[in-house]
Amino acid sequence: MADKNTVYKLSPSDFAYLWQDCKFCYYQKVKFGISHSGVFPAMFGRINSLLQNSIMGMNLKAIQPDLPSGIIEVQEGFMKSIPVEGTNCYISGRFDILSKLKDGTNAIIDFKITTPDEEKIQKYASQLQAYKFALENPERGDKPLKITKMGVVSINPEEMKLIDGKVVFTNKPNWHPVENDEVGFYKMIKEISTVLNGNLPEPSETCNLCVYRAKFTSPTSETSEELPF
């Protein structure tokens, strides 16, 4: 059980997979700092960073015509929120792109190296919603920013060529708007807070890491062929 004065830092990037897939691993990471490699190779982060560097100062519409019109002003920005009401949790981490729109409000955009599958993209909605909350409710001293547009730009290589000794891949970015869902966001954070303030959840039977741990903490005659990877 947690001390009532404990405040937990929540990273938006953990919502789409770690929180949804395994409460046991999520609890261990947030409370004890016990983490493991994520589901995506580090190279994805490298590609994402290079892409962001290349579009700083551009209008969003130059990237994809369906994007709202606005100049990209911030990349890989840091944010930290006040505690979410009714919980002892706050949001902290980095976002991809912040763009100032013509009406003075802002758009928060996340780039994902993934197939443009709408069901998969919507898994990231809670991540964008967390960015919105943190930017609109920053910890004391930072200026609140009004976020009116949120979405994901998916990048999925369609063609790859060797040109002048360099490997070049081409892709047409896809825009996936994310609708504002504050009710769903607050509900999720309160659920997370309840879990973190309770006892350690049971390991998940569908989590590869939990299954892997179990093979060594409870030795049996099972062979390595029965491991989940």
C-alpha atoms as a PDB file:
ATOM      1  CA  MET A   1       0.000   0.000   0.000  1.00  0.00           C
ATOM      2  CA  ALA A   2       1.150   3.556  -0.710  1.00  0.00           C
ATOM      3  CA  ASP A   3       1.670   6.366   1.760  1.00  0.00           C
ATOM      4  CA  LYS A   4      -1.102   8.935   1.348  1.00  0.00           C
ATOM      5  CA  ASN A   5       1.472  11.668   0.705  1.00  0.00           C
ATOM      6  CA  THR A   6       3.161   9.801  -2.150  1.00  0.00           C
ATOM      7  CA  VAL A   7       2.823  11.441  -5.571  1.00  0.00           C
ATOM      8  CA  TYR A   8       3.376   9.380  -8.708  1.00  0.00           C
ATOM      9  CA  LYS A   9       4.908  10.518 -11.977  1.00  0.00           C
ATOM     10  CA  LEU A  10       3.087   9.113 -15.000  1.00  0.00           C
ATOM     11  CA  SER A  11       4.719   9.013 -18.427  1.00  0.00           C
ATOM     12  CA  PRO A  12       2.239   9.372 -21.334  1.00  0.00           C
ATOM     13  CA  SER A  13       4.296   6.997 -23.478  1.00  0.00           C
ATOM     14  CA  ASP A  14       3.462   4.147 -21.072  1.00  0.00           C
ATOM     15  CA  PHE A  15      -0.306   4.407 -21.508  1.00  0.00           C
ATOM     16  CA  ALA A  16      -0.713   2.871 -24.972  1.00  0.00           C
ATOM     17  CA  TYR A  17       0.991  -0.434 -24.239  1.00  0.00           C
ATOM     18  CA  LEU A  18       2.478  -0.942 -20.767  1.00  0.00           C
ATOM     19  CA  TRP A  19      -0.596   0.182 -18.808  1.00  0.00           C
ATOM     20  CA  GLN A  20      -3.052  -1.518 -21.137  1.00  0.00           C
ATOM     21  CA  ASP A  21      -1.059  -4.731 -21.469  1.00  0.00           C
ATOM     22  CA  CYS A  22       0.272  -5.463 -17.976  1.00  0.00           C
ATOM     23  CA  LYS A  23      -0.709  -3.787 -14.704  1.00  0.00           C
ATOM     24  CA  PHE A  24       1.978  -5.794 -12.861  1.00  0.00           C
ATOM     25  CA  CYS A  25       4.838  -4.405 -14.986  1.00  0.00           C
ATOM     26  CA  TYR A  26       3.323  -0.912 -14.962  1.00  0.00           C
ATOM     27  CA  TYR A  27       3.098  -0.896 -11.157  1.00  0.00           C
ATOM     28  CA  GLN A  28       6.726  -2.066 -10.878  1.00  0.00           C
ATOM     29  CA  LYS A  29       7.960   0.666 -13.211  1.00  0.00           C
ATOM     30  CA  VAL A  30       6.084   3.606 -11.679  1.00  0.00           C
ATOM     31  CA  LYS A  31       6.564   2.674  -8.013  1.00  0.00           C
ATOM     32  CA  PHE A  32       9.971   1.021  -8.028  1.00  0.00           C
ATOM     33  CA  GLY A  33      11.646   2.130 -11.247  1.00  0.00           C
ATOM     34  CA  ILE A  34      11.857  -1.458 -12.481  1.00  0.00           C
ATOM     35  CA  SER A  35      11.522  -1.294 -16.238  1.00  0.00           C
ATOM     36  CA  HIS A  36      12.535  -3.201 -19.323  1.00  0.00           C
ATOM     37  CA  SER A  37      13.045  -2.431 -22.995  1.00  0.00           C
ATOM     38  CA  GLY A  38       9.902  -1.168 -24.665  1.00  0.00           C
ATOM     39  CA  VAL A  39       8.040  -2.755 -27.549  1.00  0.00           C
ATOM     40  CA  PHE A  40       9.774  -0.539 -30.119  1.00  0.00           C
ATOM     41  CA  PRO A  41      13.435  -0.692 -31.243  1.00  0.00           C
ATOM     42  CA  ALA A  42      15.597   2.302 -30.276  1.00  0.00           C
ATOM     43  CA  MET A  43      16.061   3.004 -33.993  1.00  0.00           C
ATOM     44  CA  PHE A  44      12.448   4.204 -34.152  1.00  0.00           C
ATOM     45  CA  GLY A  45      13.325   7.005 -31.751  1.00  0.00           C
ATOM     46  CA  ARG A  46      16.332   7.937 -33.870  1.00  0.00           C
ATOM     47  CA  ILE A  47      14.218   8.138 -37.039  1.00  0.00           C
ATOM     48  CA  ASN A  48      11.588  10.154 -35.189  1.00  0.00           C
ATOM     49  CA  SER A  49      14.183  12.662 -33.956  1.00  0.00           C
ATOM     50  CA  LEU A  50      15.716  13.099 -37.430  1.00  0.00           C
ATOM     51  CA  LEU A  51      12.266  13.682 -38.892  1.00  0.00           C
ATOM     52  CA  GLN A  52      11.417  16.324 -36.305  1.00  0.00           C
ATOM     53  CA  ASN A  53      14.702  18.153 -36.938  1.00  0.00           C
ATOM     54  CA  SER A  54      13.885  18.360 -40.644  1.00  0.00           C
ATOM     55  CA  ILE A  55      10.455  19.980 -40.217  1.00  0.00           C
ATOM     56  CA  MET A  56      11.082  22.629 -37.549  1.00  0.00           C
ATOM     57  CA  GLY A  57       9.625  25.985 -38.637  1.00  0.00           C
ATOM     58  CA  MET A  58       7.491  24.448 -41.375  1.00  0.00           C
ATOM     59  CA  ASN A  59       3.728  24.739 -41.714  1.00  0.00           C
ATOM     60  CA  LEU A  60       1.944  21.536 -40.746  1.00  0.00           C
ATOM     61  CA  LYS A  61       0.138  21.507 -44.090  1.00  0.00           C
ATOM     62  CA  ALA A  62       3.480  21.110 -45.855  1.00  0.00           C
ATOM     63  CA  ILE A  63       3.787  17.736 -44.129  1.00  0.00           C
ATOM     64  CA  GLN A  64       0.264  16.541 -44.849  1.00  0.00           C
ATOM     65  CA  PRO A  65      -2.545  18.619 -46.473  1.00  0.00           C
ATOM     66  CA  ASP A  66      -5.177  17.393 -43.986  1.00  0.00           C
ATOM     67  CA  LEU A  67      -3.244  18.796 -41.016  1.00  0.00           C
ATOM     68  CA  PRO A  68      -4.385  22.133 -39.537  1.00  0.00           C
ATOM     69  CA  SER A  69      -2.468  25.210 -40.668  1.00  0.00           C
ATOM     70  CA  GLY A  70       0.155  26.225 -38.126  1.00  0.00           C
ATOM     71  CA  ILE A  71       3.886  26.741 -37.747  1.00  0.00           C
ATOM     72  CA  ILE A  72       5.898  24.105 -35.882  1.00  0.00           C
ATOM     73  CA  GLU A  73       7.521  25.964 -32.973  1.00  0.00           C
ATOM     74  CA  VAL A  74       8.577  23.286 -30.479  1.00  0.00           C
ATOM     75  CA  GLN A  75       9.996  19.783 -30.918  1.00  0.00           C
ATOM     76  CA  GLU A  76      10.627  17.183 -28.218  1.00  0.00           C
ATOM     77  CA  GLY A  77       9.358  19.604 -25.599  1.00  0.00           C
ATOM     78  CA  PHE A  78       9.294  18.770 -21.891  1.00  0.00           C
ATOM     79  CA  MET A  79       6.140  19.096 -19.813  1.00  0.00           C
ATOM     80  CA  LYS A  80       5.125  18.517 -16.213  1.00  0.00           C
ATOM     81  CA  SER A  81       1.601  18.925 -14.902  1.00  0.00           C
ATOM     82  CA  ILE A  82      -0.052  19.630 -11.618  1.00  0.00           C
ATOM     83  CA  PRO A  83      -1.579  16.528  -9.957  1.00  0.00           C
ATOM     84  CA  VAL A  84      -4.668  15.258 -11.746  1.00  0.00           C
ATOM     85  CA  GLU A  85      -7.728  16.143  -9.678  1.00  0.00           C
ATOM     86  CA  GLY A  86      -8.886  13.340  -7.402  1.00  0.00           C
ATOM     87  CA  THR A  87      -5.591  11.452  -7.672  1.00  0.00           C
ATOM     88  CA  ASN A  88      -2.016  11.575  -6.400  1.00  0.00           C
ATOM     89  CA  CYS A  89      -0.600  11.366  -9.935  1.00  0.00           C
ATOM     90  CA  TYR A  90       0.890  13.958 -12.273  1.00  0.00           C
ATOM     91  CA  ILE A  91       1.914  13.823 -15.936  1.00  0.00           C
ATOM     92  CA  SER A  92       5.527  14.320 -16.986  1.00  0.00           C
ATOM     93  CA  GLY A  93       7.529  13.568 -20.114  1.00  0.00           C
ATOM     94  CA  ARG A  94       8.281  14.782 -23.618  1.00  0.00           C
ATOM     95  CA  PHE A  95       6.017  15.400 -26.580  1.00  0.00           C
ATOM     96  CA  ASP A  96       6.962  15.375 -30.273  1.00  0.00           C
ATOM     97  CA  ILE A  97       5.645  18.540 -31.914  1.00  0.00           C
ATOM     98  CA  LEU A  98       3.801  21.676 -30.765  1.00  0.00           C
ATOM     99  CA  SER A  99       2.423  24.012 -33.424  1.00  0.00           C
ATOM    100  CA  LYS A 100       0.897  27.476 -33.039  1.00  0.00           C
ATOM    101  CA  LEU A 101      -2.367  27.751 -34.991  1.00  0.00           C
ATOM    102  CA  LYS A 102      -3.761  30.865 -36.667  1.00  0.00           C
ATOM    103  CA  ASP A 103      -6.343  31.447 -33.926  1.00  0.00           C
ATOM    104  CA  GLY A 104      -3.630  31.564 -31.254  1.00  0.00           C
ATOM    105  CA  THR A 105      -4.337  28.098 -29.876  1.00  0.00           C
ATOM    106  CA  ASN A 106      -2.033  25.118 -30.308  1.00  0.00           C
ATOM    107  CA  ALA A 107      -1.903  21.692 -31.924  1.00  0.00           C
ATOM    108  CA  ILE A 108      -0.049  18.782 -30.359  1.00  0.00           C
ATOM    109  CA  ILE A 109       1.213  16.223 -32.882  1.00  0.00           C
ATOM    110  CA  ASP A 110       2.847  12.849 -32.306  1.00  0.00           C
ATOM    111  CA  PHE A 111       4.812  10.981 -34.969  1.00  0.00           C
ATOM    112  CA  LYS A 112       4.627   7.192 -35.035  1.00  0.00           C
ATOM    113  CA  ILE A 113       6.685   4.836 -37.194  1.00  0.00           C
ATOM    114  CA  THR A 114       3.838   2.411 -37.792  1.00  0.00           C
ATOM    115  CA  THR A 115       1.271   1.205 -40.290  1.00  0.00           C
ATOM    116  CA  PRO A 116      -1.680   3.603 -40.744  1.00  0.00           C
ATOM    117  CA  ASP A 117      -4.085   1.223 -39.027  1.00  0.00           C
ATOM    118  CA  GLU A 118      -6.810   3.280 -37.363  1.00  0.00           C
ATOM    119  CA  GLU A 119      -7.443   0.819 -34.520  1.00  0.00           C
ATOM    120  CA  LYS A 120      -3.736   0.744 -33.683  1.00  0.00           C
ATOM    121  CA  ILE A 121      -3.472   4.545 -33.937  1.00  0.00           C
ATOM    122  CA  GLN A 122      -6.343   5.068 -31.501  1.00  0.00           C
ATOM    123  CA  LYS A 123      -4.339   3.227 -28.825  1.00  0.00           C
ATOM    124  CA  TYR A 124      -2.297   6.426 -28.640  1.00  0.00           C
ATOM    125  CA  ALA A 125      -5.311   8.648 -27.878  1.00  0.00           C
ATOM    126  CA  SER A 126      -4.645   8.543 -24.120  1.00  0.00           C
ATOM    127  CA  GLN A 127      -1.051   9.628 -24.754  1.00  0.00           C
ATOM    128  CA  LEU A 128      -2.185  12.714 -26.704  1.00  0.00           C
ATOM    129  CA  GLN A 129      -4.832  13.452 -24.074  1.00  0.00           C
ATOM    130  CA  ALA A 130      -2.144  13.370 -21.384  1.00  0.00           C
ATOM    131  CA  TYR A 131      -0.033  15.848 -23.367  1.00  0.00           C
ATOM    132  CA  LYS A 132      -3.051  18.135 -23.581  1.00  0.00           C
ATOM    133  CA  PHE A 133      -3.683  17.982 -19.849  1.00  0.00           C
ATOM    134  CA  ALA A 134      -0.040  18.673 -18.965  1.00  0.00           C
ATOM    135  CA  LEU A 135       0.282  21.618 -21.352  1.00  0.00           C
ATOM    136  CA  GLU A 136      -2.996  23.160 -20.218  1.00  0.00           C
ATOM    137  CA  ASN A 137      -2.304  22.475 -16.526  1.00  0.00           C
ATOM    138  CA  PRO A 138       1.451  22.945 -16.052  1.00  0.00           C
ATOM    139  CA  GLU A 139       3.083  22.929 -12.662  1.00  0.00           C
ATOM    140  CA  ARG A 140       3.447  26.315 -11.025  1.00  0.00           C
ATOM    141  CA  GLY A 141       5.499  28.834 -13.026  1.00  0.00           C
ATOM    142  CA  ASP A 142       4.825  27.624 -16.561  1.00  0.00           C
ATOM    143  CA  LYS A 143       2.328  29.323 -18.874  1.00  0.00           C
ATOM    144  CA  PRO A 144      -0.757  27.233 -19.707  1.00  0.00           C
ATOM    145  CA  LEU A 145      -1.235  26.517 -23.416  1.00  0.00           C
ATOM    146  CA  LYS A 146      -4.641  26.008 -24.997  1.00  0.00           C
ATOM    147  CA  ILE A 147      -4.679  22.809 -27.071  1.00  0.00           C
ATOM    148  CA  THR A 148      -7.461  22.599 -29.677  1.00  0.00           C
ATOM    149  CA  LYS A 149      -6.059  20.014 -32.092  1.00  0.00           C
ATOM    150  CA  MET A 150      -4.482  16.630 -31.382  1.00  0.00           C
ATOM    151  CA  GLY A 151      -3.427  13.799 -33.601  1.00  0.00           C
ATOM    152  CA  VAL A 152      -0.923  11.275 -34.860  1.00  0.00           C
ATOM    153  CA  VAL A 153       1.086  11.361 -38.092  1.00  0.00           C
ATOM    154  CA  SER A 154       1.925   7.799 -39.090  1.00  0.00           C
ATOM    155  CA  ILE A 155       5.073   7.079 -41.089  1.00  0.00           C
ATOM    156  CA  ASN A 156       5.346   3.731 -42.859  1.00  0.00           C
ATOM    157  CA  PRO A 157       8.072   3.195 -45.517  1.00  0.00           C
ATOM    158  CA  GLU A 158       6.506   2.423 -48.904  1.00  0.00           C
ATOM    159  CA  GLU A 159       9.614   2.295 -51.083  1.00  0.00           C
ATOM    160  CA  MET A 160      13.353   2.036 -50.486  1.00  0.00           C
ATOM    161  CA  LYS A 161      16.154   2.810 -52.954  1.00  0.00           C
ATOM    162  CA  LEU A 162      19.925   3.094 -53.024  1.00  0.00           C
ATOM    163  CA  ILE A 163      20.752   6.572 -54.397  1.00  0.00           C
ATOM    164  CA  ASP A 164      24.349   7.810 -54.677  1.00  0.00           C
ATOM    165  CA  GLY A 165      25.500   5.377 -52.037  1.00  0.00           C
ATOM    166  CA  LYS A 166      22.701   6.272 -49.609  1.00  0.00           C
ATOM    167  CA  VAL A 167      19.616   4.281 -48.697  1.00  0.00           C
ATOM    168  CA  VAL A 168      16.515   6.462 -49.092  1.00  0.00           C
ATOM    169  CA  PHE A 169      12.967   5.432 -48.224  1.00  0.00           C
ATOM    170  CA  THR A 170       9.850   7.257 -49.316  1.00  0.00           C
ATOM    171  CA  ASN A 171       6.496   7.561 -47.602  1.00  0.00           C
ATOM    172  CA  LYS A 172       3.337   9.634 -47.768  1.00  0.00           C
ATOM    173  CA  PRO A 173       2.513  10.630 -44.162  1.00  0.00           C
ATOM    174  CA  ASN A 174      -1.005   9.900 -42.915  1.00  0.00           C
ATOM    175  CA  TRP A 175      -2.867  12.189 -40.509  1.00  0.00           C
ATOM    176  CA  HIS A 176      -5.049  10.658 -37.789  1.00  0.00           C
ATOM    177  CA  PRO A 177      -6.934  13.256 -35.713  1.00  0.00           C
ATOM    178  CA  VAL A 178      -7.645  12.380 -32.083  1.00  0.00           C
ATOM    179  CA  GLU A 179     -10.857  13.663 -30.529  1.00  0.00           C
ATOM    180  CA  ASN A 180     -10.841  15.294 -27.113  1.00  0.00           C
ATOM    181  CA  ASP A 181     -12.032  12.864 -24.423  1.00  0.00           C
ATOM    182  CA  GLU A 182     -11.435  14.404 -21.017  1.00  0.00           C
ATOM    183  CA  VAL A 183     -13.963  12.113 -19.334  1.00  0.00           C
ATOM    184  CA  GLY A 184     -12.116   9.026 -20.543  1.00  0.00           C
ATOM    185  CA  PHE A 185      -8.756  10.534 -19.573  1.00  0.00           C
ATOM    186  CA  TYR A 186      -9.781  11.349 -15.994  1.00  0.00           C
ATOM    187  CA  LYS A 187     -11.355   7.911 -15.643  1.00  0.00           C
ATOM    188  CA  MET A 188      -8.104   6.241 -16.740  1.00  0.00           C
ATOM    189  CA  ILE A 189      -5.893   8.308 -14.416  1.00  0.00           C
ATOM    190  CA  LYS A 190      -8.168   7.580 -11.465  1.00  0.00           C
ATOM    191  CA  GLU A 191      -7.984   3.872 -12.276  1.00  0.00           C
ATOM    192  CA  ILE A 192      -4.186   4.096 -12.456  1.00  0.00           C
ATOM    193  CA  SER A 193      -4.107   5.949  -9.131  1.00  0.00           C
ATOM    194  CA  THR A 194      -6.262   3.263  -7.515  1.00  0.00           C
ATOM    195  CA  VAL A 195      -3.940   0.521  -8.771  1.00  0.00           C
ATOM    196  CA  LEU A 196      -0.779   2.338  -7.639  1.00  0.00           C
ATOM    197  CA  ASN A 197      -2.219   2.972  -4.185  1.00  0.00           C
ATOM    198  CA  GLY A 198      -3.139  -0.674  -3.776  1.00  0.00           C
ATOM    199  CA  ASN A 199      -1.222  -3.908  -3.582  1.00  0.00           C
ATOM    200  CA  LEU A 200       0.998  -5.230  -6.355  1.00  0.00           C
ATOM    201  CA  PRO A 201      -1.249  -6.680  -9.096  1.00  0.00           C
ATOM    202  CA  GLU A 202      -0.903 -10.290 -10.131  1.00  0.00           C
ATOM    203  CA  PRO A 203       1.471 -10.995 -13.050  1.00  0.00           C
ATOM    204  CA  SER A 204      -0.299 -11.115 -16.398  1.00  0.00           C
ATOM    205  CA  GLU A 205      -0.680 -14.435 -18.183  1.00  0.00           C
ATOM    206  CA  THR A 206      -0.487 -12.615 -21.531  1.00  0.00           C
ATOM    207  CA  CYS A 207       2.652 -10.570 -20.742  1.00  0.00           C
ATOM    208  CA  ASN A 208       5.789 -12.130 -22.248  1.00  0.00           C
ATOM    209  CA  LEU A 209       8.014 -10.718 -19.517  1.00  0.00           C
ATOM    210  CA  CYS A 210       5.756 -12.023 -16.727  1.00  0.00           C
ATOM    211  CA  VAL A 211       5.678 -15.465 -18.346  1.00  0.00           C
ATOM    212  CA  TYR A 212       9.473 -15.366 -18.725  1.00  0.00           C
ATOM    213  CA  ARG A 213       9.944 -14.450 -15.038  1.00  0.00           C
ATOM    214  CA  ALA A 214       7.627 -17.255 -13.967  1.00  0.00           C
ATOM    215  CA  LYS A 215       9.740 -19.845 -15.762  1.00  0.00           C
ATOM    216  CA  PHE A 216      12.685 -19.004 -13.494  1.00  0.00           C
ATOM    217  CA  THR A 217      10.953 -18.175 -10.213  1.00  0.00           C
ATOM    218  CA  SER A 218       8.958 -21.416 -10.373  1.00  0.00           C
ATOM    219  CA  PRO A 219      11.314 -23.999 -11.967  1.00  0.00           C
ATOM    220  CA  THR A 220       9.625 -26.924 -13.700  1.00  0.00           C
ATOM    221  CA  SER A 221      10.580 -29.515 -16.255  1.00  0.00           C
ATOM    222  CA  GLU A 222       9.366 -27.248 -19.073  1.00  0.00           C
ATOM    223  CA  THR A 223      11.891 -26.537 -21.804  1.00  0.00           C
ATOM    224  CA  SER A 224      12.989 -23.275 -23.377  1.00  0.00           C
ATOM    225  CA  GLU A 225      10.714 -24.069 -26.315  1.00  0.00           C
ATOM    226  CA  GLU A 226       7.778 -23.173 -24.087  1.00  0.00           C
ATOM    227  CA  LEU A 227       9.014 -19.632 -23.413  1.00  0.00           C
ATOM    228  CA  PRO A 228       6.897 -16.900 -25.095  1.00  0.00           C
ATOM    229  CA  PHE A 229       9.713 -15.821 -27.462  1.00  0.00           C
END
